[in-house]
N, C-alpha and C. Protein backbone atom coordinates (compact mmCIF):
# COMPACT_ATOMS: atom_id res chain seq x y z
N MET A 1 -84.69 9.48 75.69
CA MET A 1 -83.25 9.23 75.85
C MET A 1 -82.87 7.92 75.16
N THR A 2 -81.77 7.95 74.44
CA THR A 2 -81.31 6.76 73.72
C THR A 2 -80.56 5.82 74.64
N ILE A 3 -80.96 4.58 74.65
CA ILE A 3 -80.27 3.56 75.43
C ILE A 3 -78.96 3.22 74.74
N LYS A 4 -77.90 3.09 75.51
CA LYS A 4 -76.61 2.67 74.98
C LYS A 4 -76.34 1.23 75.39
N LEU A 5 -75.88 0.45 74.43
CA LEU A 5 -75.50 -0.94 74.73
C LEU A 5 -74.04 -1.13 74.38
N TYR A 6 -73.23 -1.36 75.41
CA TYR A 6 -71.82 -1.67 75.21
C TYR A 6 -71.74 -3.12 74.77
N CYS A 7 -71.19 -3.35 73.59
CA CYS A 7 -71.28 -4.67 72.98
C CYS A 7 -70.21 -4.82 71.90
N PHE A 8 -70.11 -6.01 71.35
CA PHE A 8 -69.26 -6.23 70.18
C PHE A 8 -69.82 -7.39 69.37
N GLY A 9 -69.60 -7.34 68.07
CA GLY A 9 -70.28 -8.23 67.15
C GLY A 9 -70.04 -9.71 67.38
N GLU A 10 -68.85 -10.06 67.87
CA GLU A 10 -68.53 -11.48 68.07
C GLU A 10 -69.24 -12.09 69.28
N SER A 11 -69.85 -11.28 70.10
CA SER A 11 -70.43 -11.74 71.36
C SER A 11 -71.89 -12.15 71.22
N GLY A 12 -72.16 -13.43 71.36
CA GLY A 12 -73.53 -13.91 71.33
C GLY A 12 -74.37 -13.39 72.48
N ASN A 13 -73.75 -13.21 73.63
CA ASN A 13 -74.50 -12.65 74.76
C ASN A 13 -74.87 -11.20 74.50
N SER A 14 -73.98 -10.46 73.87
CA SER A 14 -74.33 -9.10 73.46
C SER A 14 -75.48 -9.11 72.46
N TYR A 15 -75.45 -10.09 71.56
CA TYR A 15 -76.49 -10.17 70.53
C TYR A 15 -77.87 -10.37 71.14
N LYS A 16 -77.96 -11.15 72.20
CA LYS A 16 -79.25 -11.36 72.86
C LYS A 16 -79.86 -10.03 73.29
N ALA A 17 -79.04 -9.20 73.92
CA ALA A 17 -79.51 -7.90 74.39
C ALA A 17 -79.79 -6.96 73.23
N ALA A 18 -78.89 -6.96 72.24
CA ALA A 18 -79.06 -6.08 71.08
C ALA A 18 -80.31 -6.42 70.30
N LEU A 19 -80.58 -7.71 70.12
CA LEU A 19 -81.76 -8.13 69.36
C LEU A 19 -83.04 -7.78 70.11
N ALA A 20 -83.03 -7.93 71.43
CA ALA A 20 -84.19 -7.52 72.22
C ALA A 20 -84.46 -6.02 72.03
N LEU A 21 -83.41 -5.21 72.10
CA LEU A 21 -83.58 -3.78 71.90
C LEU A 21 -84.05 -3.48 70.47
N GLN A 22 -83.48 -4.18 69.51
CA GLN A 22 -83.82 -3.96 68.11
C GLN A 22 -85.29 -4.25 67.84
N PHE A 23 -85.80 -5.33 68.39
CA PHE A 23 -87.19 -5.71 68.18
C PHE A 23 -88.17 -4.90 69.04
N SER A 24 -87.66 -4.29 70.09
CA SER A 24 -88.54 -3.63 71.07
C SER A 24 -89.14 -2.33 70.57
N GLY A 25 -88.46 -1.67 69.64
CA GLY A 25 -88.89 -0.34 69.21
C GLY A 25 -88.33 0.77 70.05
N LEU A 26 -87.59 0.44 71.11
CA LEU A 26 -86.95 1.47 71.93
C LEU A 26 -85.77 2.08 71.19
N ALA A 27 -85.49 3.34 71.45
CA ALA A 27 -84.34 4.00 70.83
C ALA A 27 -83.06 3.51 71.51
N TRP A 28 -82.13 3.00 70.69
CA TRP A 28 -80.90 2.49 71.28
C TRP A 28 -79.77 2.63 70.26
N GLU A 29 -78.54 2.53 70.77
CA GLU A 29 -77.37 2.57 69.91
C GLU A 29 -76.27 1.69 70.50
N PRO A 30 -75.51 1.00 69.65
CA PRO A 30 -74.40 0.19 70.15
C PRO A 30 -73.16 1.04 70.41
N VAL A 31 -72.44 0.67 71.45
CA VAL A 31 -71.15 1.28 71.76
C VAL A 31 -70.11 0.15 71.69
N TYR A 32 -69.15 0.29 70.81
CA TYR A 32 -68.20 -0.79 70.56
C TYR A 32 -67.29 -1.03 71.76
N VAL A 33 -67.17 -2.29 72.15
CA VAL A 33 -66.24 -2.73 73.18
C VAL A 33 -65.14 -3.53 72.49
N ASP A 34 -63.91 -3.08 72.62
CA ASP A 34 -62.78 -3.72 71.95
C ASP A 34 -62.26 -4.88 72.80
N PHE A 35 -63.07 -5.92 72.85
CA PHE A 35 -62.79 -7.06 73.73
C PHE A 35 -61.45 -7.71 73.41
N PHE A 36 -61.16 -7.91 72.14
CA PHE A 36 -59.99 -8.69 71.77
C PHE A 36 -58.67 -7.93 71.98
N ASN A 37 -58.77 -6.64 72.21
CA ASN A 37 -57.58 -5.89 72.61
C ASN A 37 -57.58 -5.54 74.09
N GLY A 38 -58.44 -6.23 74.84
CA GLY A 38 -58.37 -6.17 76.30
C GLY A 38 -59.16 -5.06 76.97
N GLU A 39 -60.09 -4.43 76.27
CA GLU A 39 -60.80 -3.30 76.88
C GLU A 39 -61.55 -3.69 78.15
N THR A 40 -62.18 -4.86 78.15
CA THR A 40 -62.97 -5.25 79.33
C THR A 40 -62.10 -5.57 80.54
N ARG A 41 -60.81 -5.79 80.32
CA ARG A 41 -59.89 -6.07 81.43
C ARG A 41 -59.21 -4.81 81.95
N ALA A 42 -59.41 -3.70 81.27
CA ALA A 42 -58.75 -2.45 81.65
C ALA A 42 -59.42 -1.83 82.87
N PRO A 43 -58.64 -1.21 83.75
CA PRO A 43 -59.22 -0.58 84.95
C PRO A 43 -60.30 0.44 84.62
N GLU A 44 -60.13 1.18 83.53
CA GLU A 44 -61.13 2.20 83.19
C GLU A 44 -62.49 1.56 82.91
N TYR A 45 -62.49 0.45 82.20
CA TYR A 45 -63.74 -0.23 81.90
C TYR A 45 -64.35 -0.80 83.18
N ARG A 46 -63.53 -1.44 83.99
CA ARG A 46 -64.06 -2.06 85.22
C ARG A 46 -64.52 -1.03 86.23
N ASN A 47 -63.88 0.12 86.26
CA ASN A 47 -64.27 1.16 87.22
C ASN A 47 -65.49 1.95 86.74
N ASN A 48 -65.63 2.12 85.42
CA ASN A 48 -66.66 3.03 84.90
C ASN A 48 -67.81 2.34 84.17
N ILE A 49 -67.58 1.14 83.65
CA ILE A 49 -68.61 0.48 82.84
C ILE A 49 -69.15 -0.77 83.54
N ASN A 50 -68.27 -1.71 83.88
CA ASN A 50 -68.73 -2.96 84.48
C ASN A 50 -67.61 -3.58 85.30
N ALA A 51 -67.80 -3.61 86.60
CA ALA A 51 -66.79 -4.17 87.50
C ALA A 51 -66.54 -5.65 87.24
N LEU A 52 -67.51 -6.33 86.60
CA LEU A 52 -67.34 -7.75 86.30
C LEU A 52 -66.45 -7.97 85.08
N GLY A 53 -66.15 -6.90 84.35
CA GLY A 53 -65.29 -7.03 83.18
C GLY A 53 -65.93 -7.79 82.05
N GLU A 54 -67.21 -7.56 81.81
CA GLU A 54 -67.93 -8.30 80.78
C GLU A 54 -68.74 -7.36 79.89
N ALA A 55 -69.16 -7.86 78.76
CA ALA A 55 -70.15 -7.23 77.90
C ALA A 55 -71.22 -8.28 77.61
N PRO A 56 -72.48 -7.86 77.45
CA PRO A 56 -72.94 -6.50 77.24
C PRO A 56 -73.19 -5.73 78.55
N VAL A 57 -73.24 -4.42 78.39
CA VAL A 57 -73.68 -3.52 79.46
C VAL A 57 -74.65 -2.53 78.85
N MET A 58 -75.78 -2.34 79.50
CA MET A 58 -76.77 -1.38 79.04
C MET A 58 -76.77 -0.16 79.94
N VAL A 59 -76.80 1.01 79.34
CA VAL A 59 -76.88 2.26 80.09
C VAL A 59 -78.10 3.02 79.60
N ASP A 60 -79.03 3.25 80.51
CA ASP A 60 -80.24 4.01 80.21
C ASP A 60 -80.41 5.04 81.32
N GLY A 61 -79.89 6.23 81.10
CA GLY A 61 -79.91 7.23 82.15
C GLY A 61 -79.08 6.76 83.34
N GLU A 62 -79.73 6.63 84.48
CA GLU A 62 -79.03 6.20 85.69
C GLU A 62 -78.94 4.68 85.80
N PHE A 63 -79.62 3.97 84.95
CA PHE A 63 -79.58 2.50 84.99
C PHE A 63 -78.35 1.99 84.25
N HIS A 64 -77.51 1.24 84.97
CA HIS A 64 -76.40 0.51 84.38
C HIS A 64 -76.63 -0.97 84.68
N LEU A 65 -76.88 -1.76 83.65
CA LEU A 65 -77.18 -3.17 83.85
C LEU A 65 -76.25 -4.03 83.01
N SER A 66 -75.80 -5.13 83.59
CA SER A 66 -75.05 -6.13 82.84
C SER A 66 -75.77 -7.46 82.94
N GLN A 67 -75.26 -8.45 82.18
CA GLN A 67 -75.86 -9.76 82.02
C GLN A 67 -77.03 -9.68 81.05
N SER A 68 -76.94 -10.44 79.98
CA SER A 68 -77.92 -10.34 78.90
C SER A 68 -79.35 -10.60 79.37
N GLY A 69 -79.54 -11.60 80.24
CA GLY A 69 -80.88 -11.91 80.71
C GLY A 69 -81.50 -10.78 81.50
N VAL A 70 -80.69 -10.08 82.28
CA VAL A 70 -81.18 -8.93 83.05
C VAL A 70 -81.56 -7.79 82.10
N ILE A 71 -80.72 -7.56 81.10
CA ILE A 71 -81.02 -6.51 80.13
C ILE A 71 -82.29 -6.84 79.36
N GLN A 72 -82.45 -8.11 78.98
CA GLN A 72 -83.67 -8.52 78.29
C GLN A 72 -84.90 -8.25 79.16
N GLN A 73 -84.80 -8.53 80.45
CA GLN A 73 -85.94 -8.29 81.34
C GLN A 73 -86.23 -6.80 81.46
N TYR A 74 -85.19 -5.98 81.49
CA TYR A 74 -85.38 -4.53 81.53
C TYR A 74 -86.11 -4.06 80.27
N VAL A 75 -85.69 -4.58 79.13
CA VAL A 75 -86.36 -4.23 77.87
C VAL A 75 -87.83 -4.65 77.91
N THR A 76 -88.08 -5.83 78.44
CA THR A 76 -89.46 -6.30 78.59
C THR A 76 -90.27 -5.37 79.49
N ASP A 77 -89.71 -5.00 80.62
CA ASP A 77 -90.43 -4.14 81.56
C ASP A 77 -90.70 -2.76 80.96
N LYS A 78 -89.77 -2.29 80.13
CA LYS A 78 -89.91 -0.94 79.56
C LYS A 78 -90.80 -0.93 78.33
N SER A 79 -90.77 -2.01 77.54
CA SER A 79 -91.51 -2.04 76.28
C SER A 79 -92.82 -2.82 76.36
N GLY A 80 -92.93 -3.70 77.35
CA GLY A 80 -94.10 -4.57 77.45
C GLY A 80 -94.06 -5.76 76.52
N LYS A 81 -92.88 -6.03 75.93
CA LYS A 81 -92.76 -7.12 74.96
C LYS A 81 -91.86 -8.24 75.49
N PHE A 82 -92.06 -9.43 74.94
CA PHE A 82 -91.16 -10.58 75.08
C PHE A 82 -91.23 -11.29 76.42
N GLY A 83 -92.17 -10.93 77.28
CA GLY A 83 -92.18 -11.51 78.61
C GLY A 83 -93.13 -12.67 78.80
N GLY A 84 -93.98 -12.94 77.81
CA GLY A 84 -95.00 -13.98 77.95
C GLY A 84 -96.35 -13.36 78.21
N ALA A 85 -97.40 -14.07 77.79
CA ALA A 85 -98.75 -13.52 77.84
C ALA A 85 -99.49 -13.82 79.14
N SER A 86 -98.93 -14.63 80.00
CA SER A 86 -99.60 -15.00 81.25
C SER A 86 -98.53 -15.30 82.29
N ASP A 87 -98.97 -15.47 83.55
CA ASP A 87 -98.01 -15.83 84.60
C ASP A 87 -97.31 -17.14 84.27
N ALA A 88 -98.09 -18.11 83.78
CA ALA A 88 -97.50 -19.40 83.44
C ALA A 88 -96.44 -19.24 82.36
N GLU A 89 -96.73 -18.44 81.35
CA GLU A 89 -95.76 -18.23 80.27
C GLU A 89 -94.53 -17.47 80.77
N ARG A 90 -94.73 -16.52 81.65
CA ARG A 90 -93.57 -15.76 82.17
C ARG A 90 -92.59 -16.68 82.88
N TYR A 91 -93.11 -17.61 83.66
CA TYR A 91 -92.22 -18.57 84.32
C TYR A 91 -91.57 -19.51 83.31
N GLU A 92 -92.31 -19.87 82.28
CA GLU A 92 -91.75 -20.74 81.25
C GLU A 92 -90.64 -20.03 80.47
N VAL A 93 -90.85 -18.75 80.19
CA VAL A 93 -89.80 -17.96 79.53
C VAL A 93 -88.55 -17.94 80.40
N LEU A 94 -88.72 -17.68 81.68
CA LEU A 94 -87.57 -17.66 82.58
C LEU A 94 -86.87 -19.01 82.63
N ARG A 95 -87.65 -20.08 82.62
CA ARG A 95 -87.06 -21.42 82.64
C ARG A 95 -86.15 -21.63 81.44
N TRP A 96 -86.58 -21.19 80.25
CA TRP A 96 -85.78 -21.38 79.05
C TRP A 96 -84.58 -20.44 79.01
N VAL A 97 -84.73 -19.23 79.53
CA VAL A 97 -83.58 -18.32 79.59
C VAL A 97 -82.50 -18.91 80.49
N LEU A 98 -82.90 -19.45 81.63
CA LEU A 98 -81.91 -20.06 82.53
C LEU A 98 -81.31 -21.33 81.92
N TRP A 99 -82.14 -22.12 81.26
CA TRP A 99 -81.62 -23.32 80.58
C TRP A 99 -80.59 -22.92 79.53
N ASP A 100 -80.93 -21.92 78.73
CA ASP A 100 -79.99 -21.47 77.70
C ASP A 100 -78.67 -21.03 78.30
N ASN A 101 -78.73 -20.23 79.33
CA ASN A 101 -77.49 -19.72 79.93
C ASN A 101 -76.62 -20.83 80.49
N HIS A 102 -77.24 -21.90 80.96
CA HIS A 102 -76.48 -22.99 81.57
C HIS A 102 -76.09 -24.06 80.56
N LYS A 103 -77.00 -24.41 79.67
CA LYS A 103 -76.81 -25.59 78.82
C LYS A 103 -76.41 -25.27 77.38
N LEU A 104 -76.85 -24.13 76.85
CA LEU A 104 -76.64 -23.87 75.43
C LEU A 104 -75.62 -22.75 75.20
N SER A 105 -75.96 -21.54 75.55
CA SER A 105 -75.06 -20.42 75.24
C SER A 105 -73.72 -20.52 75.94
N SER A 106 -73.72 -20.97 77.17
CA SER A 106 -72.44 -21.08 77.88
C SER A 106 -71.50 -22.05 77.17
N GLN A 107 -72.05 -23.15 76.68
CA GLN A 107 -71.24 -24.14 75.98
C GLN A 107 -70.89 -23.66 74.56
N ALA A 108 -71.86 -23.07 73.87
CA ALA A 108 -71.62 -22.61 72.50
C ALA A 108 -70.60 -21.49 72.47
N GLY A 109 -70.74 -20.54 73.39
CA GLY A 109 -69.82 -19.42 73.41
C GLY A 109 -68.39 -19.85 73.69
N MET A 110 -68.21 -20.70 74.68
CA MET A 110 -66.86 -21.17 75.03
C MET A 110 -66.27 -22.02 73.91
N THR A 111 -67.08 -22.92 73.35
CA THR A 111 -66.57 -23.81 72.30
C THR A 111 -66.20 -23.01 71.06
N ARG A 112 -67.04 -22.07 70.70
CA ARG A 112 -66.75 -21.22 69.53
C ARG A 112 -65.46 -20.44 69.75
N PHE A 113 -65.27 -19.93 70.96
CA PHE A 113 -64.04 -19.18 71.26
C PHE A 113 -62.82 -20.08 71.15
N LEU A 114 -62.90 -21.27 71.75
CA LEU A 114 -61.75 -22.18 71.74
C LEU A 114 -61.42 -22.65 70.33
N MET A 115 -62.44 -22.84 69.49
CA MET A 115 -62.23 -23.38 68.15
C MET A 115 -61.80 -22.34 67.12
N ASN A 116 -62.08 -21.06 67.41
CA ASN A 116 -61.90 -20.04 66.38
C ASN A 116 -61.03 -18.86 66.77
N PHE A 117 -61.00 -18.53 68.04
CA PHE A 117 -60.34 -17.29 68.45
C PHE A 117 -59.07 -17.50 69.25
N LEU A 118 -58.65 -18.73 69.41
CA LEU A 118 -57.34 -19.05 69.97
C LEU A 118 -56.41 -19.49 68.85
N PRO A 119 -55.11 -19.28 69.00
CA PRO A 119 -54.17 -19.85 68.02
C PRO A 119 -54.33 -21.37 67.97
N GLU A 120 -54.13 -21.94 66.80
CA GLU A 120 -54.37 -23.38 66.63
C GLU A 120 -53.61 -24.23 67.63
N ASP A 121 -52.39 -23.85 67.96
CA ASP A 121 -51.60 -24.67 68.88
C ASP A 121 -52.04 -24.51 70.33
N LYS A 122 -52.99 -23.61 70.59
CA LYS A 122 -53.49 -23.39 71.95
C LYS A 122 -54.88 -23.98 72.16
N ARG A 123 -55.44 -24.61 71.15
CA ARG A 123 -56.81 -25.10 71.23
C ARG A 123 -56.85 -26.46 71.90
N PRO A 124 -57.52 -26.57 73.06
CA PRO A 124 -57.51 -27.82 73.83
C PRO A 124 -58.49 -28.84 73.25
N ALA A 125 -57.98 -29.82 72.55
CA ALA A 125 -58.83 -30.76 71.81
C ALA A 125 -59.77 -31.54 72.74
N GLU A 126 -59.28 -31.96 73.90
CA GLU A 126 -60.13 -32.75 74.80
C GLU A 126 -61.27 -31.91 75.36
N VAL A 127 -60.99 -30.67 75.70
CA VAL A 127 -62.04 -29.78 76.21
C VAL A 127 -63.07 -29.51 75.12
N ILE A 128 -62.59 -29.24 73.92
CA ILE A 128 -63.50 -28.99 72.81
C ILE A 128 -64.38 -30.20 72.55
N GLY A 129 -63.79 -31.39 72.54
CA GLY A 129 -64.56 -32.61 72.32
C GLY A 129 -65.63 -32.82 73.38
N PHE A 130 -65.28 -32.56 74.63
CA PHE A 130 -66.26 -32.69 75.73
C PHE A 130 -67.40 -31.70 75.54
N ASN A 131 -67.05 -30.44 75.23
CA ASN A 131 -68.08 -29.41 75.04
C ASN A 131 -69.00 -29.73 73.87
N LEU A 132 -68.44 -30.28 72.80
CA LEU A 132 -69.26 -30.63 71.64
C LEU A 132 -70.31 -31.67 72.00
N GLY A 133 -69.95 -32.60 72.86
CA GLY A 133 -70.92 -33.59 73.32
C GLY A 133 -72.05 -32.96 74.11
N ARG A 134 -71.71 -32.01 74.98
CA ARG A 134 -72.74 -31.32 75.76
C ARG A 134 -73.64 -30.47 74.85
N LEU A 135 -73.03 -29.85 73.86
CA LEU A 135 -73.82 -29.04 72.93
C LEU A 135 -74.79 -29.90 72.14
N LYS A 136 -74.34 -31.06 71.69
CA LYS A 136 -75.23 -31.94 70.92
C LYS A 136 -76.46 -32.31 71.74
N ALA A 137 -76.27 -32.56 73.02
CA ALA A 137 -77.40 -32.87 73.89
C ALA A 137 -78.36 -31.68 73.98
N ALA A 138 -77.81 -30.47 74.06
CA ALA A 138 -78.65 -29.27 74.12
C ALA A 138 -79.42 -29.07 72.83
N TYR A 139 -78.75 -29.29 71.70
CA TYR A 139 -79.45 -29.16 70.41
C TYR A 139 -80.61 -30.14 70.32
N HIS A 140 -80.41 -31.36 70.82
CA HIS A 140 -81.49 -32.35 70.82
C HIS A 140 -82.69 -31.83 71.61
N VAL A 141 -82.45 -31.27 72.77
CA VAL A 141 -83.54 -30.76 73.61
C VAL A 141 -84.30 -29.66 72.89
N LEU A 142 -83.57 -28.68 72.36
CA LEU A 142 -84.22 -27.55 71.72
C LEU A 142 -84.95 -27.98 70.45
N ASN A 143 -84.33 -28.82 69.65
CA ASN A 143 -84.95 -29.27 68.41
C ASN A 143 -86.25 -30.03 68.68
N ALA A 144 -86.23 -30.91 69.68
CA ALA A 144 -87.43 -31.68 70.02
C ALA A 144 -88.53 -30.76 70.53
N HIS A 145 -88.16 -29.77 71.33
CA HIS A 145 -89.17 -28.85 71.87
C HIS A 145 -89.84 -28.04 70.77
N LEU A 146 -89.08 -27.68 69.73
CA LEU A 146 -89.60 -26.82 68.67
C LEU A 146 -90.44 -27.57 67.63
N GLU A 147 -90.45 -28.89 67.71
CA GLU A 147 -91.29 -29.63 66.75
C GLU A 147 -92.75 -29.24 66.93
N GLY A 148 -93.37 -28.77 65.89
CA GLY A 148 -94.77 -28.37 65.94
C GLY A 148 -95.02 -27.01 66.57
N ARG A 149 -93.96 -26.27 66.85
CA ARG A 149 -94.09 -24.94 67.46
C ARG A 149 -93.43 -23.89 66.57
N ASP A 150 -94.00 -22.69 66.60
CA ASP A 150 -93.33 -21.57 65.93
C ASP A 150 -92.30 -20.93 66.84
N TRP A 151 -92.62 -20.87 68.15
CA TRP A 151 -91.76 -20.18 69.11
C TRP A 151 -91.58 -21.04 70.34
N ILE A 152 -90.58 -20.74 71.13
CA ILE A 152 -90.26 -21.60 72.26
C ILE A 152 -91.36 -21.58 73.31
N VAL A 153 -91.93 -20.40 73.55
CA VAL A 153 -93.02 -20.27 74.54
C VAL A 153 -94.15 -19.48 73.90
N GLY A 154 -95.35 -20.01 73.94
CA GLY A 154 -96.52 -19.26 73.51
C GLY A 154 -96.57 -19.04 72.01
N ASP A 155 -97.27 -17.97 71.64
CA ASP A 155 -97.60 -17.71 70.24
C ASP A 155 -96.79 -16.58 69.62
N GLY A 156 -95.76 -16.11 70.30
CA GLY A 156 -94.96 -15.03 69.75
C GLY A 156 -93.55 -15.05 70.31
N ILE A 157 -92.75 -14.12 69.83
CA ILE A 157 -91.36 -14.03 70.27
C ILE A 157 -91.30 -13.62 71.73
N THR A 158 -90.50 -14.35 72.50
CA THR A 158 -90.25 -13.99 73.89
C THR A 158 -88.74 -13.99 74.13
N ASN A 159 -88.39 -13.65 75.34
CA ASN A 159 -86.98 -13.68 75.73
C ASN A 159 -86.39 -15.08 75.65
N ALA A 160 -87.24 -16.09 75.67
CA ALA A 160 -86.74 -17.45 75.48
C ALA A 160 -86.12 -17.60 74.10
N ASP A 161 -86.80 -17.09 73.09
CA ASP A 161 -86.27 -17.14 71.72
C ASP A 161 -85.03 -16.26 71.59
N LEU A 162 -85.09 -15.06 72.13
CA LEU A 162 -83.99 -14.10 71.98
C LEU A 162 -82.75 -14.57 72.73
N SER A 163 -82.93 -15.36 73.76
CA SER A 163 -81.79 -15.90 74.49
C SER A 163 -81.21 -17.12 73.78
N CYS A 164 -82.07 -18.06 73.42
CA CYS A 164 -81.57 -19.31 72.85
C CYS A 164 -80.96 -19.14 71.46
N CYS A 165 -81.33 -18.10 70.75
CA CYS A 165 -80.76 -17.91 69.41
C CYS A 165 -79.40 -17.23 69.44
N GLY A 166 -78.96 -16.80 70.61
CA GLY A 166 -77.82 -15.89 70.72
C GLY A 166 -76.59 -16.25 69.93
N TYR A 167 -76.24 -17.53 69.90
CA TYR A 167 -75.03 -17.96 69.21
C TYR A 167 -75.30 -18.70 67.90
N LEU A 168 -76.56 -18.95 67.59
CA LEU A 168 -76.86 -19.91 66.53
C LEU A 168 -76.84 -19.33 65.12
N TYR A 169 -76.67 -18.02 64.98
CA TYR A 169 -76.54 -17.43 63.65
C TYR A 169 -75.09 -17.25 63.23
N TYR A 170 -74.15 -17.49 64.13
CA TYR A 170 -72.75 -17.22 63.79
C TYR A 170 -72.21 -18.24 62.80
N PRO A 171 -71.37 -17.78 61.87
CA PRO A 171 -70.86 -18.68 60.83
C PRO A 171 -69.68 -19.55 61.26
N GLU A 172 -68.98 -19.16 62.32
CA GLU A 172 -67.80 -19.93 62.73
C GLU A 172 -68.21 -21.31 63.25
N PRO A 173 -67.38 -22.33 63.04
CA PRO A 173 -67.73 -23.68 63.51
C PRO A 173 -67.70 -23.80 65.03
N PHE A 174 -68.74 -24.41 65.58
CA PHE A 174 -68.75 -24.75 67.00
C PHE A 174 -69.68 -25.94 67.24
N GLY A 175 -69.75 -26.82 66.24
CA GLY A 175 -70.54 -28.03 66.41
C GLY A 175 -72.00 -27.88 66.10
N PHE A 176 -72.39 -26.83 65.39
CA PHE A 176 -73.80 -26.62 65.05
C PHE A 176 -73.94 -26.47 63.55
N GLU A 177 -74.66 -27.41 62.95
CA GLU A 177 -75.00 -27.35 61.54
C GLU A 177 -76.52 -27.29 61.44
N ARG A 178 -77.04 -26.18 60.97
CA ARG A 178 -78.49 -25.99 60.98
C ARG A 178 -79.24 -27.11 60.26
N ALA A 179 -78.68 -27.62 59.19
CA ALA A 179 -79.38 -28.65 58.41
C ALA A 179 -79.61 -29.92 59.21
N GLU A 180 -78.81 -30.14 60.24
CA GLU A 180 -78.96 -31.35 61.06
C GLU A 180 -80.10 -31.23 62.06
N TRP A 181 -80.62 -30.03 62.25
CA TRP A 181 -81.63 -29.78 63.28
C TRP A 181 -82.79 -29.01 62.63
N PRO A 182 -83.68 -29.72 61.93
CA PRO A 182 -84.67 -29.05 61.08
C PRO A 182 -85.62 -28.12 61.82
N HIS A 183 -86.00 -28.46 63.05
CA HIS A 183 -86.94 -27.60 63.77
C HIS A 183 -86.24 -26.35 64.28
N ILE A 184 -84.98 -26.47 64.69
CA ILE A 184 -84.20 -25.28 65.04
C ILE A 184 -83.99 -24.41 63.81
N ASP A 185 -83.68 -25.04 62.70
CA ASP A 185 -83.45 -24.32 61.45
C ASP A 185 -84.68 -23.51 61.05
N ALA A 186 -85.84 -24.13 61.11
CA ALA A 186 -87.08 -23.43 60.73
C ALA A 186 -87.36 -22.27 61.68
N TRP A 187 -87.12 -22.49 62.95
CA TRP A 187 -87.31 -21.44 63.96
C TRP A 187 -86.36 -20.26 63.73
N LEU A 188 -85.10 -20.53 63.45
CA LEU A 188 -84.13 -19.47 63.18
C LEU A 188 -84.53 -18.70 61.92
N THR A 189 -85.01 -19.40 60.92
CA THR A 189 -85.47 -18.73 59.70
C THR A 189 -86.65 -17.82 60.02
N ARG A 190 -87.61 -18.33 60.79
CA ARG A 190 -88.78 -17.55 61.17
C ARG A 190 -88.36 -16.28 61.91
N LEU A 191 -87.43 -16.42 62.83
CA LEU A 191 -86.97 -15.27 63.62
C LEU A 191 -86.27 -14.25 62.72
N SER A 192 -85.47 -14.74 61.78
CA SER A 192 -84.72 -13.83 60.92
C SER A 192 -85.61 -13.13 59.90
N GLU A 193 -86.84 -13.60 59.74
CA GLU A 193 -87.78 -12.96 58.82
C GLU A 193 -88.59 -11.84 59.49
N GLN A 194 -88.39 -11.63 60.79
CA GLN A 194 -89.12 -10.59 61.51
C GLN A 194 -88.60 -9.20 61.15
N PRO A 195 -89.50 -8.21 61.07
CA PRO A 195 -89.06 -6.85 60.73
C PRO A 195 -87.98 -6.35 61.70
N GLY A 196 -86.92 -5.83 61.15
CA GLY A 196 -85.85 -5.26 61.97
C GLY A 196 -84.73 -6.23 62.31
N TRP A 197 -84.93 -7.53 62.02
CA TRP A 197 -83.87 -8.49 62.35
C TRP A 197 -82.60 -8.18 61.59
N LYS A 198 -81.47 -8.34 62.28
CA LYS A 198 -80.16 -8.24 61.63
C LYS A 198 -79.24 -9.31 62.18
N HIS A 199 -78.36 -9.79 61.33
CA HIS A 199 -77.30 -10.71 61.75
C HIS A 199 -76.42 -10.02 62.79
N PRO A 200 -75.86 -10.78 63.74
CA PRO A 200 -75.04 -10.12 64.77
C PRO A 200 -73.93 -9.24 64.23
N TYR A 201 -73.29 -9.64 63.13
CA TYR A 201 -72.21 -8.82 62.59
C TYR A 201 -72.72 -7.57 61.89
N ASP A 202 -74.02 -7.50 61.62
CA ASP A 202 -74.61 -6.29 61.06
C ASP A 202 -75.25 -5.42 62.14
N LEU A 203 -75.68 -6.04 63.23
CA LEU A 203 -76.39 -5.31 64.28
C LEU A 203 -75.43 -4.61 65.23
N MET A 204 -74.22 -5.18 65.39
CA MET A 204 -73.26 -4.65 66.36
C MET A 204 -71.91 -4.45 65.70
N PRO A 205 -71.13 -3.47 66.14
CA PRO A 205 -69.77 -3.31 65.59
C PRO A 205 -68.85 -4.41 66.09
N GLY A 206 -67.91 -4.79 65.23
CA GLY A 206 -66.95 -5.84 65.59
C GLY A 206 -67.19 -7.08 64.77
N ASN A 207 -66.11 -7.55 64.09
CA ASN A 207 -66.21 -8.68 63.18
C ASN A 207 -64.81 -9.30 63.08
N PRO A 208 -64.71 -10.62 63.03
CA PRO A 208 -63.38 -11.22 62.90
C PRO A 208 -62.59 -10.68 61.72
N SER A 209 -63.28 -10.29 60.66
CA SER A 209 -62.57 -9.76 59.49
C SER A 209 -61.84 -8.46 59.82
N ASP A 210 -62.29 -7.76 60.86
CA ASP A 210 -61.62 -6.53 61.26
C ASP A 210 -60.19 -6.80 61.76
N ARG A 211 -59.98 -8.04 62.24
CA ARG A 211 -58.67 -8.37 62.81
C ARG A 211 -57.85 -9.27 61.88
N ALA A 212 -58.41 -9.54 60.70
CA ALA A 212 -57.73 -10.44 59.76
C ALA A 212 -56.43 -9.81 59.25
């Protein structure tokens, strides 16, 4: 049975789940969510897809799961990949997934939205400035951790990598310049060289140019 992932290209959280599925070898297909025209706020979506009104959502037979980290764990349990090679690594992977959700992706996603997807006269400069400071601190942590390492945990790709990279391939400005963070840059290059990797706008339907 083919797994369906309700997602859209602009969503870094969707990308985390989509990339896990893409690398896993499991059969899957994206289902476009028209976020910018309000689909996730519609009663039909909330009643039938996700009561939280969010994407991504994974449907695999009777399993309906939301939240990218939960979907990544499901992919790990089903494929045997990305979870870490030992108990110690599994806990370390979880630590980085939770760190990313709190410190990196949450800030990057919101800042990118405020800087690019709101009308210019609606963009809150003070909030953006505050978020950029928090993001810089997160980049420092991740860049320092990746010095001398190929991957965030252990000797191969784990959910830590698939989570932390979620927003870092997007071209829109949100306070991240790869050249300023050489260890992050090398890690992103390494990840993008893996068989099956695709840029978020190629892996999932939905692109800002569609609304231009």
